[in-house]
């Protein structure tokens, strides 16, 4: 399955497909969120048995496919969604080199149903995307996951914290690649993701050098 973006207009600064395509014209070493090694939180969650082995997985904003391929190598049925055609071209090459099958879809992550249709997932990975979602889109974006998850399904989500320095105390900041990042509190995030229940939460460090303060949630859809 491969769908194009729904074409819905975006009012977000530097957030359309052309912006992200330009980002992926850079060497991946210059893209802050492109980290080949999977986060320890993902590795630990898979090892805990909380995620259904071999189940269906949605990797939101999959970029060049690092974590999609990691999950497919472990027997999961993976769908990776991203706004950028250039990122997905890299992701497909990565999956081919690894000898795994991943269903990559070009789509607007704010409208995931347009990308996956009626498909439901046992596990959703949303790693370092939420701080790119503008306030006007934030409530509807978060509500998607209670529909996308199967009963008992798990969402692993991480994003920048309002405590991230030097932005601490600010609601937003512009990243070095020109896109706006929005900072939210633990309580704001918990409220937005209801009716999912918080299975686990901890403060974490994000980015290639672990310099960013972040929130990490494991949320679960009730049976």
N, C-alpha and C. Protein backbone atom coordinates (compact mmCIF):
# COMPACT_ATOMS: atom_id res chain seq x y z
N UNK A 1 0.86 -1.19 0.00
CA UNK A 1 0.00 0.00 0.00
C UNK A 1 0.88 1.23 0.00
N UNK A 2 0.62 2.14 -0.91
CA UNK A 2 1.36 3.40 -0.91
C UNK A 2 0.43 4.49 -1.38
N UNK A 3 0.09 5.40 -0.49
CA UNK A 3 -0.81 6.50 -0.81
C UNK A 3 -0.04 7.80 -0.78
N UNK A 4 -0.46 8.72 -1.59
CA UNK A 4 0.09 10.05 -1.54
C UNK A 4 -0.58 10.85 -0.44
N UNK A 5 0.05 11.95 -0.07
CA UNK A 5 -0.55 12.86 0.89
C UNK A 5 -1.93 13.26 0.43
N UNK A 6 -2.84 13.47 1.39
CA UNK A 6 -4.22 13.83 1.06
C UNK A 6 -4.32 15.16 0.35
N UNK A 7 -3.24 15.96 0.38
CA UNK A 7 -3.28 17.25 -0.27
C UNK A 7 -3.93 18.32 0.55
N UNK A 8 -4.31 17.99 1.78
CA UNK A 8 -4.94 18.98 2.65
C UNK A 8 -3.93 20.09 2.96
N UNK A 9 -4.43 21.30 2.96
CA UNK A 9 -3.53 22.43 3.15
C UNK A 9 -2.95 22.43 4.55
N UNK A 10 -1.78 23.00 4.67
CA UNK A 10 -1.13 23.12 5.97
C UNK A 10 -0.80 24.57 6.23
N UNK A 11 -1.11 25.03 7.43
CA UNK A 11 -0.79 26.40 7.81
C UNK A 11 0.42 26.43 8.72
N UNK A 12 1.05 25.30 8.93
CA UNK A 12 2.16 25.23 9.87
C UNK A 12 3.43 25.79 9.23
N UNK A 13 4.21 26.54 9.98
CA UNK A 13 5.44 27.10 9.42
C UNK A 13 6.46 26.01 9.13
N UNK A 14 6.98 26.03 7.90
CA UNK A 14 8.02 25.08 7.51
C UNK A 14 7.66 23.64 7.88
N UNK A 15 6.46 23.21 7.53
CA UNK A 15 6.06 21.86 7.90
C UNK A 15 5.48 21.07 6.74
N UNK A 16 5.41 21.66 5.55
CA UNK A 16 4.87 20.95 4.40
C UNK A 16 5.88 19.98 3.82
N UNK A 17 5.45 19.17 2.86
CA UNK A 17 6.35 18.18 2.26
C UNK A 17 7.63 18.78 1.68
N UNK A 18 7.55 19.97 1.10
CA UNK A 18 8.74 20.57 0.48
C UNK A 18 9.81 20.87 1.53
N UNK A 19 9.37 21.28 2.73
CA UNK A 19 10.35 21.54 3.80
C UNK A 19 11.07 20.27 4.19
N UNK A 20 10.30 19.20 4.43
CA UNK A 20 10.91 17.96 4.88
C UNK A 20 11.73 17.31 3.78
N UNK A 21 11.29 17.46 2.51
CA UNK A 21 12.11 16.95 1.41
C UNK A 21 13.46 17.66 1.36
N UNK A 22 13.46 18.97 1.61
CA UNK A 22 14.71 19.72 1.62
C UNK A 22 15.62 19.24 2.75
N UNK A 23 15.02 18.92 3.90
CA UNK A 23 15.80 18.39 5.01
C UNK A 23 16.51 17.10 4.60
N UNK A 24 15.78 16.24 3.86
CA UNK A 24 16.33 14.94 3.50
C UNK A 24 17.23 14.97 2.27
N UNK A 25 17.50 16.16 1.78
CA UNK A 25 18.56 16.32 0.79
C UNK A 25 19.92 16.47 1.48
N UNK A 26 19.90 16.70 2.78
CA UNK A 26 21.13 16.79 3.56
C UNK A 26 21.66 15.38 3.87
N UNK A 27 22.92 15.27 4.21
CA UNK A 27 23.42 14.01 4.76
C UNK A 27 22.64 13.68 6.04
N UNK A 28 22.33 12.43 6.24
CA UNK A 28 21.56 12.05 7.42
C UNK A 28 22.28 12.39 8.72
N UNK A 29 23.60 12.50 8.65
CA UNK A 29 24.35 12.88 9.85
C UNK A 29 24.02 14.29 10.30
N UNK A 30 23.45 15.12 9.42
CA UNK A 30 23.09 16.49 9.76
C UNK A 30 21.63 16.63 10.19
N UNK A 31 20.87 15.55 10.14
CA UNK A 31 19.46 15.59 10.51
C UNK A 31 19.33 15.15 11.96
N UNK A 32 18.93 16.04 12.86
CA UNK A 32 19.03 15.77 14.30
C UNK A 32 18.30 14.51 14.79
N UNK A 33 17.18 14.18 14.16
CA UNK A 33 16.38 13.06 14.65
C UNK A 33 16.71 11.74 13.95
N UNK A 34 17.64 11.77 13.00
CA UNK A 34 18.02 10.55 12.30
C UNK A 34 19.09 9.81 13.10
N UNK A 35 18.62 8.84 13.88
CA UNK A 35 19.50 8.08 14.78
C UNK A 35 19.29 6.60 14.48
N UNK A 36 20.33 5.93 14.02
CA UNK A 36 20.17 4.53 13.60
C UNK A 36 19.90 3.60 14.78
N UNK A 37 20.57 3.84 15.90
CA UNK A 37 20.38 2.97 17.06
C UNK A 37 19.00 3.20 17.67
N UNK A 38 18.19 2.15 17.84
CA UNK A 38 16.86 2.35 18.41
C UNK A 38 16.94 2.85 19.85
N UNK A 39 16.00 3.67 20.28
CA UNK A 39 16.03 4.16 21.67
C UNK A 39 15.90 3.02 22.66
N UNK A 40 16.56 3.18 23.79
CA UNK A 40 16.53 2.11 24.79
C UNK A 40 15.11 1.85 25.27
N UNK A 41 14.28 2.89 25.26
CA UNK A 41 12.88 2.71 25.69
C UNK A 41 12.14 1.74 24.77
N UNK A 42 12.44 1.81 23.48
CA UNK A 42 11.81 0.88 22.53
C UNK A 42 12.33 -0.53 22.76
N UNK A 43 13.63 -0.67 22.90
CA UNK A 43 14.21 -2.00 23.12
C UNK A 43 13.67 -2.62 24.40
N UNK A 44 13.61 -1.82 25.46
CA UNK A 44 13.13 -2.34 26.74
C UNK A 44 11.66 -2.71 26.68
N UNK A 45 10.87 -1.91 25.98
CA UNK A 45 9.43 -2.20 25.87
C UNK A 45 9.20 -3.51 25.13
N UNK A 46 9.93 -3.72 24.04
CA UNK A 46 9.78 -4.98 23.30
C UNK A 46 10.19 -6.16 24.15
N UNK A 47 11.22 -5.97 24.97
CA UNK A 47 11.69 -7.05 25.82
C UNK A 47 10.78 -7.35 27.00
N UNK A 48 9.90 -6.40 27.32
CA UNK A 48 9.02 -6.56 28.49
C UNK A 48 7.84 -7.49 28.23
N UNK A 49 7.55 -7.75 26.96
CA UNK A 49 6.39 -8.58 26.62
C UNK A 49 5.09 -7.82 26.55
N UNK A 50 5.13 -6.50 26.71
CA UNK A 50 3.90 -5.70 26.66
C UNK A 50 3.38 -5.50 25.24
N UNK A 51 4.27 -5.70 24.26
CA UNK A 51 3.88 -5.55 22.85
C UNK A 51 3.72 -6.93 22.24
N UNK A 52 2.62 -7.15 21.56
CA UNK A 52 2.31 -8.44 20.95
C UNK A 52 3.38 -8.83 19.94
N UNK A 53 4.03 -9.97 20.16
CA UNK A 53 5.09 -10.44 19.28
C UNK A 53 4.54 -10.67 17.87
N UNK A 54 5.25 -10.14 16.88
CA UNK A 54 4.84 -10.33 15.51
C UNK A 54 3.60 -9.57 15.09
N UNK A 55 3.15 -8.65 15.94
CA UNK A 55 1.92 -7.93 15.68
C UNK A 55 2.09 -6.81 14.66
N UNK A 56 1.00 -6.09 14.44
CA UNK A 56 1.00 -4.98 13.49
C UNK A 56 1.51 -3.72 14.16
N UNK A 57 2.38 -2.98 13.45
CA UNK A 57 3.04 -1.80 14.01
C UNK A 57 2.88 -0.62 13.05
N UNK A 58 2.62 0.55 13.62
CA UNK A 58 2.61 1.80 12.88
C UNK A 58 3.76 2.66 13.39
N UNK A 59 4.67 3.02 12.49
CA UNK A 59 5.78 3.90 12.82
C UNK A 59 5.45 5.27 12.25
N UNK A 60 5.09 6.21 13.13
CA UNK A 60 4.62 7.54 12.72
C UNK A 60 5.82 8.46 12.49
N UNK A 61 5.83 9.13 11.32
CA UNK A 61 6.97 9.97 10.93
C UNK A 61 8.24 9.13 10.94
N UNK A 62 8.23 8.11 10.10
CA UNK A 62 9.29 7.10 10.11
C UNK A 62 10.60 7.59 9.53
N UNK A 63 10.61 8.74 8.86
CA UNK A 63 11.84 9.26 8.30
C UNK A 63 12.50 8.28 7.34
N UNK A 64 13.79 8.07 7.50
CA UNK A 64 14.51 7.17 6.59
C UNK A 64 14.39 5.71 6.99
N UNK A 65 13.51 5.41 7.93
CA UNK A 65 13.15 4.02 8.21
C UNK A 65 13.99 3.28 9.22
N UNK A 66 14.78 3.99 10.02
CA UNK A 66 15.63 3.31 11.00
C UNK A 66 14.85 2.34 11.88
N UNK A 67 13.80 2.85 12.51
CA UNK A 67 13.08 2.04 13.49
C UNK A 67 12.06 1.11 12.82
N UNK A 68 11.56 1.50 11.66
CA UNK A 68 10.68 0.60 10.90
C UNK A 68 11.43 -0.68 10.55
N UNK A 69 12.66 -0.53 10.07
CA UNK A 69 13.47 -1.69 9.70
C UNK A 69 13.83 -2.50 10.94
N UNK A 70 14.20 -1.82 12.01
CA UNK A 70 14.51 -2.51 13.27
C UNK A 70 13.33 -3.39 13.71
N UNK A 71 12.13 -2.85 13.64
CA UNK A 71 10.94 -3.61 14.05
C UNK A 71 10.64 -4.75 13.09
N UNK A 72 10.78 -4.51 11.79
CA UNK A 72 10.54 -5.57 10.81
C UNK A 72 11.53 -6.72 10.98
N UNK A 73 12.76 -6.40 11.33
CA UNK A 73 13.77 -7.44 11.57
C UNK A 73 13.41 -8.33 12.74
N UNK A 74 12.54 -7.83 13.60
CA UNK A 74 12.12 -8.60 14.77
C UNK A 74 10.75 -9.24 14.58
N UNK A 75 10.31 -9.31 13.34
CA UNK A 75 9.13 -10.08 13.00
C UNK A 75 7.82 -9.34 13.02
N UNK A 76 7.84 -8.02 13.24
CA UNK A 76 6.60 -7.25 13.24
C UNK A 76 6.17 -6.91 11.81
N UNK A 77 4.87 -6.72 11.64
CA UNK A 77 4.30 -6.31 10.37
C UNK A 77 4.19 -4.78 10.41
N UNK A 78 5.08 -4.10 9.73
CA UNK A 78 5.30 -2.67 9.95
C UNK A 78 4.75 -1.82 8.81
N UNK A 79 4.04 -0.75 9.21
CA UNK A 79 3.66 0.32 8.30
C UNK A 79 4.37 1.58 8.76
N UNK A 80 5.13 2.20 7.87
CA UNK A 80 5.83 3.44 8.19
C UNK A 80 5.22 4.59 7.40
N UNK A 81 4.86 5.67 8.09
CA UNK A 81 4.21 6.82 7.45
C UNK A 81 5.10 8.05 7.61
N UNK A 82 5.25 8.81 6.51
CA UNK A 82 6.00 10.05 6.59
C UNK A 82 5.48 11.01 5.52
N UNK A 83 5.70 12.31 5.78
CA UNK A 83 5.28 13.39 4.89
C UNK A 83 6.21 13.52 3.69
N UNK A 84 7.46 13.08 3.83
CA UNK A 84 8.50 13.36 2.86
C UNK A 84 8.74 12.19 1.91
N UNK A 85 8.57 12.44 0.63
CA UNK A 85 8.85 11.42 -0.37
C UNK A 85 10.33 11.07 -0.39
N UNK A 86 11.19 12.06 -0.16
CA UNK A 86 12.62 11.80 -0.16
C UNK A 86 13.03 10.92 1.02
N UNK A 87 12.42 11.17 2.18
CA UNK A 87 12.70 10.31 3.33
C UNK A 87 12.27 8.88 3.05
N UNK A 88 11.10 8.73 2.45
CA UNK A 88 10.58 7.38 2.18
C UNK A 88 11.42 6.66 1.13
N UNK A 89 11.96 7.39 0.17
CA UNK A 89 12.85 6.75 -0.81
C UNK A 89 14.07 6.16 -0.11
N UNK A 90 14.61 6.90 0.86
CA UNK A 90 15.73 6.38 1.65
C UNK A 90 15.30 5.19 2.49
N UNK A 91 14.09 5.27 3.05
CA UNK A 91 13.58 4.18 3.89
C UNK A 91 13.42 2.89 3.09
N UNK A 92 12.92 3.01 1.88
CA UNK A 92 12.74 1.82 1.04
C UNK A 92 14.08 1.17 0.71
N UNK A 93 15.08 1.99 0.44
CA UNK A 93 16.41 1.45 0.18
C UNK A 93 16.97 0.76 1.42
N UNK A 94 16.72 1.36 2.59
CA UNK A 94 17.20 0.77 3.84
C UNK A 94 16.54 -0.59 4.07
N UNK A 95 15.25 -0.67 3.86
CA UNK A 95 14.54 -1.94 4.05
C UNK A 95 15.01 -3.00 3.06
N UNK A 96 15.25 -2.59 1.83
CA UNK A 96 15.73 -3.54 0.82
C UNK A 96 17.10 -4.08 1.19
N UNK A 97 17.99 -3.20 1.64
CA UNK A 97 19.33 -3.64 2.06
C UNK A 97 19.24 -4.63 3.22
N UNK A 98 18.28 -4.38 4.10
CA UNK A 98 18.13 -5.24 5.29
C UNK A 98 17.37 -6.53 4.98
N UNK A 99 16.76 -6.60 3.80
CA UNK A 99 16.03 -7.80 3.42
C UNK A 99 14.72 -7.98 4.16
N UNK A 100 14.06 -6.85 4.50
CA UNK A 100 12.78 -6.93 5.21
C UNK A 100 11.70 -6.19 4.43
N UNK A 101 10.46 -6.55 4.71
CA UNK A 101 9.32 -5.91 4.08
C UNK A 101 8.70 -4.90 5.03
N UNK A 102 8.59 -3.66 4.58
CA UNK A 102 7.90 -2.61 5.32
C UNK A 102 6.97 -1.90 4.36
N UNK A 103 5.77 -1.62 4.79
CA UNK A 103 4.79 -0.91 3.98
C UNK A 103 4.95 0.59 4.25
N UNK A 104 5.65 1.28 3.37
CA UNK A 104 5.88 2.71 3.55
C UNK A 104 4.82 3.52 2.82
N UNK A 105 4.26 4.52 3.50
CA UNK A 105 3.16 5.32 2.98
C UNK A 105 3.49 6.80 3.11
N UNK A 106 3.33 7.54 2.02
CA UNK A 106 3.51 8.98 2.05
C UNK A 106 2.18 9.62 2.42
N UNK A 107 2.14 10.32 3.55
CA UNK A 107 0.88 10.89 4.02
C UNK A 107 1.13 11.93 5.09
N UNK A 108 0.11 12.72 5.37
CA UNK A 108 0.12 13.72 6.42
C UNK A 108 -0.21 13.02 7.73
N UNK A 109 0.72 13.05 8.68
CA UNK A 109 0.53 12.32 9.93
C UNK A 109 -0.61 12.88 10.78
N UNK A 110 -1.08 14.07 10.45
CA UNK A 110 -2.23 14.61 11.17
C UNK A 110 -3.53 13.98 10.71
N UNK A 111 -3.46 13.19 9.64
CA UNK A 111 -4.64 12.53 9.08
C UNK A 111 -4.28 11.08 8.77
N UNK A 112 -3.94 10.33 9.81
CA UNK A 112 -3.42 8.99 9.61
C UNK A 112 -4.45 8.02 9.01
N UNK A 113 -5.71 8.26 9.26
CA UNK A 113 -6.73 7.39 8.67
C UNK A 113 -6.69 7.44 7.15
N UNK A 114 -6.29 8.59 6.60
CA UNK A 114 -6.15 8.69 5.14
C UNK A 114 -5.04 7.78 4.63
N UNK A 115 -4.06 7.51 5.47
CA UNK A 115 -2.92 6.68 5.08
C UNK A 115 -3.20 5.19 5.25
N UNK A 116 -3.86 4.82 6.33
CA UNK A 116 -3.98 3.40 6.67
C UNK A 116 -5.40 2.86 6.54
N UNK A 117 -6.36 3.72 6.23
CA UNK A 117 -7.74 3.26 6.10
C UNK A 117 -8.29 2.71 7.40
N UNK A 118 -8.90 1.54 7.31
CA UNK A 118 -9.53 0.93 8.48
C UNK A 118 -8.56 0.06 9.28
N UNK A 119 -7.31 0.04 8.90
CA UNK A 119 -6.35 -0.84 9.57
C UNK A 119 -6.13 -0.41 11.02
N UNK A 120 -5.99 -1.39 11.90
CA UNK A 120 -5.71 -1.16 13.32
C UNK A 120 -4.35 -1.76 13.66
N UNK A 121 -3.78 -1.30 14.77
CA UNK A 121 -2.42 -1.70 15.10
C UNK A 121 -2.31 -2.16 16.55
N UNK A 122 -1.40 -3.12 16.75
CA UNK A 122 -1.11 -3.60 18.09
C UNK A 122 -0.11 -2.69 18.81
N UNK A 123 0.69 -1.97 18.01
CA UNK A 123 1.72 -1.11 18.58
C UNK A 123 1.92 0.08 17.67
N UNK A 124 2.01 1.27 18.27
CA UNK A 124 2.32 2.50 17.53
C UNK A 124 3.57 3.13 18.14
N UNK A 125 4.52 3.47 17.28
CA UNK A 125 5.72 4.18 17.71
C UNK A 125 5.63 5.61 17.19
N UNK A 126 5.68 6.57 18.11
CA UNK A 126 5.63 7.99 17.75
C UNK A 126 6.81 8.65 18.46
N UNK A 127 7.99 8.53 17.84
CA UNK A 127 9.22 8.94 18.51
C UNK A 127 9.68 10.31 18.00
N UNK A 128 9.55 11.31 18.87
CA UNK A 128 10.04 12.67 18.59
C UNK A 128 9.30 13.37 17.46
N UNK A 129 8.00 13.13 17.36
CA UNK A 129 7.19 13.89 16.41
C UNK A 129 6.31 14.92 17.10
N UNK A 130 5.79 14.60 18.28
CA UNK A 130 4.74 15.42 18.88
C UNK A 130 5.15 16.88 19.04
N UNK A 131 6.42 17.14 19.29
CA UNK A 131 6.83 18.54 19.45
C UNK A 131 6.85 19.31 18.13
N UNK A 132 6.60 18.63 17.01
CA UNK A 132 6.46 19.32 15.73
C UNK A 132 4.99 19.62 15.39
N UNK A 133 4.07 19.15 16.21
CA UNK A 133 2.64 19.34 15.93
C UNK A 133 2.19 20.66 16.53
N UNK A 134 1.64 21.52 15.69
CA UNK A 134 1.22 22.86 16.12
C UNK A 134 0.03 22.80 17.08
N UNK A 135 -0.12 23.79 17.94
CA UNK A 135 -1.23 23.79 18.91
C UNK A 135 -2.60 23.58 18.28
N UNK A 136 -2.84 24.17 17.12
CA UNK A 136 -4.16 24.03 16.49
C UNK A 136 -4.46 22.59 16.09
N UNK A 137 -3.42 21.80 15.84
CA UNK A 137 -3.59 20.41 15.41
C UNK A 137 -3.41 19.41 16.55
N UNK A 138 -2.92 19.89 17.67
CA UNK A 138 -2.51 18.99 18.76
C UNK A 138 -3.65 18.10 19.28
N UNK A 139 -4.84 18.64 19.63
CA UNK A 139 -5.88 17.77 20.18
C UNK A 139 -6.32 16.67 19.21
N UNK A 140 -6.59 17.05 17.96
CA UNK A 140 -7.07 16.07 16.99
C UNK A 140 -5.98 15.05 16.65
N UNK A 141 -4.73 15.51 16.60
CA UNK A 141 -3.63 14.58 16.33
C UNK A 141 -3.59 13.48 17.39
N UNK A 142 -3.64 13.86 18.64
CA UNK A 142 -3.54 12.89 19.73
C UNK A 142 -4.73 11.94 19.78
N UNK A 143 -5.90 12.43 19.44
CA UNK A 143 -7.10 11.60 19.50
C UNK A 143 -7.08 10.46 18.49
N UNK A 144 -6.27 10.59 17.45
CA UNK A 144 -6.23 9.55 16.42
C UNK A 144 -5.90 8.17 16.97
N UNK A 145 -5.07 8.14 18.02
CA UNK A 145 -4.48 6.87 18.41
C UNK A 145 -5.44 5.96 19.17
N UNK A 146 -6.44 6.54 19.78
CA UNK A 146 -7.43 5.68 20.44
C UNK A 146 -8.24 4.90 19.41
N UNK A 147 -8.32 5.40 18.18
CA UNK A 147 -8.99 4.71 17.09
C UNK A 147 -8.04 3.76 16.37
N UNK A 148 -6.80 4.16 16.21
CA UNK A 148 -5.83 3.37 15.44
C UNK A 148 -5.37 2.11 16.17
N UNK A 149 -5.41 2.12 17.50
CA UNK A 149 -4.93 0.97 18.26
C UNK A 149 -6.00 -0.11 18.42
N UNK A 150 -5.57 -1.35 18.36
CA UNK A 150 -6.44 -2.46 18.76
C UNK A 150 -6.63 -2.43 20.28
N UNK A 151 -7.71 -3.04 20.80
CA UNK A 151 -7.86 -3.15 22.26
C UNK A 151 -6.62 -3.80 22.87
N UNK A 152 -6.09 -3.18 23.90
CA UNK A 152 -4.87 -3.67 24.53
C UNK A 152 -3.60 -3.21 23.83
N UNK A 153 -3.76 -2.49 22.70
CA UNK A 153 -2.61 -2.01 21.96
C UNK A 153 -1.85 -0.93 22.70
N UNK A 154 -0.59 -0.75 22.33
CA UNK A 154 0.33 0.12 23.06
C UNK A 154 0.87 1.21 22.15
N UNK A 155 0.96 2.42 22.69
CA UNK A 155 1.61 3.55 22.03
C UNK A 155 2.84 3.95 22.84
N UNK A 156 4.01 3.96 22.19
CA UNK A 156 5.23 4.49 22.79
C UNK A 156 5.49 5.85 22.17
N UNK A 157 5.50 6.89 22.99
CA UNK A 157 5.59 8.25 22.49
C UNK A 157 6.66 9.01 23.27
N UNK A 158 7.49 9.76 22.56
CA UNK A 158 8.46 10.64 23.20
C UNK A 158 8.48 11.98 22.48
N UNK A 159 8.67 13.05 23.25
CA UNK A 159 8.74 14.39 22.67
C UNK A 159 9.53 15.30 23.61
N UNK A 160 9.90 16.47 23.11
CA UNK A 160 10.63 17.43 23.94
C UNK A 160 9.75 17.93 25.08
N UNK A 161 10.37 18.19 26.20
CA UNK A 161 9.71 18.69 27.39
C UNK A 161 9.76 20.20 27.45
N UNK A 162 8.85 20.78 28.20
CA UNK A 162 8.88 22.22 28.46
C UNK A 162 10.12 22.61 29.27
N UNK A 163 10.82 21.62 29.82
CA UNK A 163 12.03 21.88 30.60
C UNK A 163 13.30 21.86 29.75
N UNK A 164 13.13 21.65 28.45
CA UNK A 164 14.29 21.58 27.58
C UNK A 164 15.03 22.92 27.56
N UNK A 165 16.30 22.91 27.83
CA UNK A 165 17.12 24.14 27.81
C UNK A 165 17.75 24.28 26.42
N UNK A 166 17.94 25.48 25.88
CA UNK A 166 17.69 26.78 26.51
C UNK A 166 16.27 27.30 26.31
N UNK A 167 15.37 26.44 25.83
CA UNK A 167 14.01 26.88 25.58
C UNK A 167 13.13 26.83 26.83
N UNK A 168 13.68 26.41 27.95
CA UNK A 168 12.89 26.24 29.16
C UNK A 168 12.07 27.49 29.46
N UNK A 169 10.79 27.29 29.66
CA UNK A 169 9.89 28.40 29.95
C UNK A 169 9.19 28.94 28.73
N UNK A 170 9.64 28.55 27.53
CA UNK A 170 9.00 29.01 26.31
C UNK A 170 8.02 27.97 25.79
N UNK A 171 7.01 28.41 25.07
CA UNK A 171 6.02 27.49 24.48
C UNK A 171 6.50 26.90 23.16
N UNK A 172 7.43 27.61 22.48
CA UNK A 172 7.91 27.12 21.20
C UNK A 172 9.29 27.70 20.91
N UNK A 173 9.96 27.11 19.93
CA UNK A 173 11.26 27.60 19.48
C UNK A 173 11.48 27.10 18.07
N UNK A 174 12.37 27.76 17.34
CA UNK A 174 12.68 27.37 15.97
C UNK A 174 13.96 26.54 15.99
N UNK A 175 13.87 25.35 15.40
CA UNK A 175 15.02 24.47 15.33
C UNK A 175 16.04 24.92 14.31
N UNK A 176 17.20 24.30 14.30
CA UNK A 176 18.28 24.74 13.42
C UNK A 176 17.97 24.47 11.95
N UNK A 177 16.99 23.61 11.68
CA UNK A 177 16.59 23.36 10.29
C UNK A 177 15.38 24.18 9.89
N UNK A 178 14.94 25.09 10.77
CA UNK A 178 13.90 26.04 10.41
C UNK A 178 12.49 25.68 10.81
N UNK A 179 12.28 24.48 11.32
CA UNK A 179 10.93 24.08 11.73
C UNK A 179 10.67 24.47 13.18
N UNK A 180 9.40 24.75 13.49
CA UNK A 180 9.02 25.16 14.84
C UNK A 180 8.78 23.93 15.71
N UNK A 181 9.26 24.01 16.96
CA UNK A 181 9.03 22.96 17.94
C UNK A 181 8.21 23.52 19.08
N UNK A 182 7.26 22.73 19.55
CA UNK A 182 6.33 23.18 20.58
C UNK A 182 6.54 22.33 21.84
N UNK A 183 6.58 23.03 22.99
CA UNK A 183 6.90 22.37 24.25
C UNK A 183 5.64 22.23 25.10
N UNK A 184 5.44 21.01 25.64
CA UNK A 184 4.24 20.73 26.42
C UNK A 184 4.60 20.03 27.73
N UNK A 185 3.70 20.16 28.68
CA UNK A 185 3.93 19.54 29.98
C UNK A 185 3.42 18.10 29.99
N UNK A 186 3.85 17.37 30.99
CA UNK A 186 3.37 16.00 31.17
C UNK A 186 1.85 15.97 31.28
N UNK A 187 1.27 16.90 32.04
CA UNK A 187 -0.17 16.90 32.24
C UNK A 187 -0.91 17.22 30.94
N UNK A 188 -0.41 18.16 30.17
CA UNK A 188 -1.03 18.50 28.88
C UNK A 188 -1.08 17.29 27.96
N UNK A 189 -0.02 16.53 27.96
CA UNK A 189 0.05 15.35 27.09
C UNK A 189 -0.91 14.27 27.59
N UNK A 190 -0.91 14.02 28.89
CA UNK A 190 -1.82 13.01 29.43
C UNK A 190 -3.27 13.35 29.10
N UNK A 191 -3.63 14.62 29.25
CA UNK A 191 -4.99 15.06 28.96
C UNK A 191 -5.34 14.86 27.49
N UNK A 192 -4.39 15.15 26.61
CA UNK A 192 -4.65 15.07 25.18
C UNK A 192 -4.84 13.64 24.70
N UNK A 193 -4.19 12.68 25.36
CA UNK A 193 -4.24 11.29 24.89
C UNK A 193 -5.35 10.47 25.53
N UNK A 194 -6.15 11.07 26.38
CA UNK A 194 -7.30 10.33 26.87
C UNK A 194 -8.21 9.99 25.71
N UNK A 195 -8.82 8.79 25.69
CA UNK A 195 -9.03 7.84 26.78
C UNK A 195 -7.96 6.74 26.93
N UNK A 196 -6.82 6.86 26.30
CA UNK A 196 -5.75 5.89 26.56
C UNK A 196 -5.28 6.03 28.00
N UNK A 197 -4.87 4.93 28.59
CA UNK A 197 -4.38 5.00 29.97
C UNK A 197 -2.85 5.04 29.95
N UNK A 198 -2.30 5.75 30.91
CA UNK A 198 -0.84 5.84 31.03
C UNK A 198 -0.34 4.57 31.71
N UNK A 199 0.40 3.77 30.95
CA UNK A 199 0.98 2.53 31.47
C UNK A 199 2.31 2.83 32.16
N UNK A 200 3.04 3.81 31.59
CA UNK A 200 4.33 4.17 32.18
C UNK A 200 4.69 5.57 31.70
N UNK A 201 5.42 6.30 32.56
CA UNK A 201 5.93 7.61 32.18
C UNK A 201 7.28 7.82 32.86
N UNK A 202 8.21 8.44 32.13
CA UNK A 202 9.42 8.94 32.76
C UNK A 202 9.99 10.09 31.94
N UNK A 203 10.69 10.97 32.61
CA UNK A 203 11.44 12.00 31.92
C UNK A 203 12.63 11.33 31.23
N UNK A 204 13.01 11.84 30.05
CA UNK A 204 14.07 11.18 29.30
C UNK A 204 14.97 12.22 28.64
N UNK A 205 16.01 11.75 28.00
CA UNK A 205 16.91 12.60 27.23
C UNK A 205 16.81 12.20 25.76
N UNK A 206 16.69 13.20 24.89
CA UNK A 206 16.45 12.94 23.48
C UNK A 206 17.50 13.62 22.61
N UNK A 207 17.57 13.19 21.35
CA UNK A 207 18.52 13.75 20.41
C UNK A 207 19.76 12.91 20.28
N UNK A 208 20.57 13.22 19.28
CA UNK A 208 21.75 12.40 18.99
C UNK A 208 22.74 12.38 20.14
N UNK A 209 22.82 13.48 20.86
CA UNK A 209 23.75 13.56 21.99
C UNK A 209 23.03 13.54 23.34
N UNK A 210 21.75 13.28 23.31
CA UNK A 210 20.98 13.20 24.54
C UNK A 210 20.91 14.51 25.30
N UNK A 211 20.95 15.62 24.58
CA UNK A 211 21.01 16.91 25.27
C UNK A 211 19.63 17.53 25.52
N UNK A 212 18.58 16.96 24.93
CA UNK A 212 17.25 17.54 25.06
C UNK A 212 16.45 16.85 26.17
N UNK A 213 15.82 17.65 27.02
CA UNK A 213 14.91 17.11 28.03
C UNK A 213 13.62 16.68 27.34
N UNK A 214 13.14 15.50 27.70
CA UNK A 214 11.96 14.97 27.03
C UNK A 214 10.99 14.26 27.96
N UNK A 215 9.81 14.01 27.42
CA UNK A 215 8.81 13.15 28.05
C UNK A 215 8.77 11.83 27.29
N UNK A 216 8.63 10.73 27.99
CA UNK A 216 8.43 9.43 27.35
C UNK A 216 7.23 8.74 28.00
N UNK A 217 6.26 8.42 27.19
CA UNK A 217 5.03 7.77 27.66
C UNK A 217 4.87 6.40 27.01
N UNK A 218 4.38 5.45 27.79
CA UNK A 218 3.78 4.24 27.26
C UNK A 218 2.30 4.32 27.60
N UNK A 219 1.47 4.38 26.57
CA UNK A 219 0.02 4.48 26.75
C UNK A 219 -0.64 3.24 26.17
N UNK A 220 -1.76 2.85 26.74
CA UNK A 220 -2.40 1.62 26.31
C UNK A 220 -3.90 1.82 26.14
N UNK A 221 -4.43 1.19 25.08
CA UNK A 221 -5.87 1.22 24.88
C UNK A 221 -6.51 0.12 25.73
N UNK A 222 -7.53 0.49 26.43
CA UNK A 222 -8.18 -0.50 27.31
C UNK A 222 -8.81 -1.62 26.50
N UNK A 223 -8.81 -2.81 27.11
CA UNK A 223 -9.39 -3.98 26.46
C UNK A 223 -10.89 -3.82 26.28
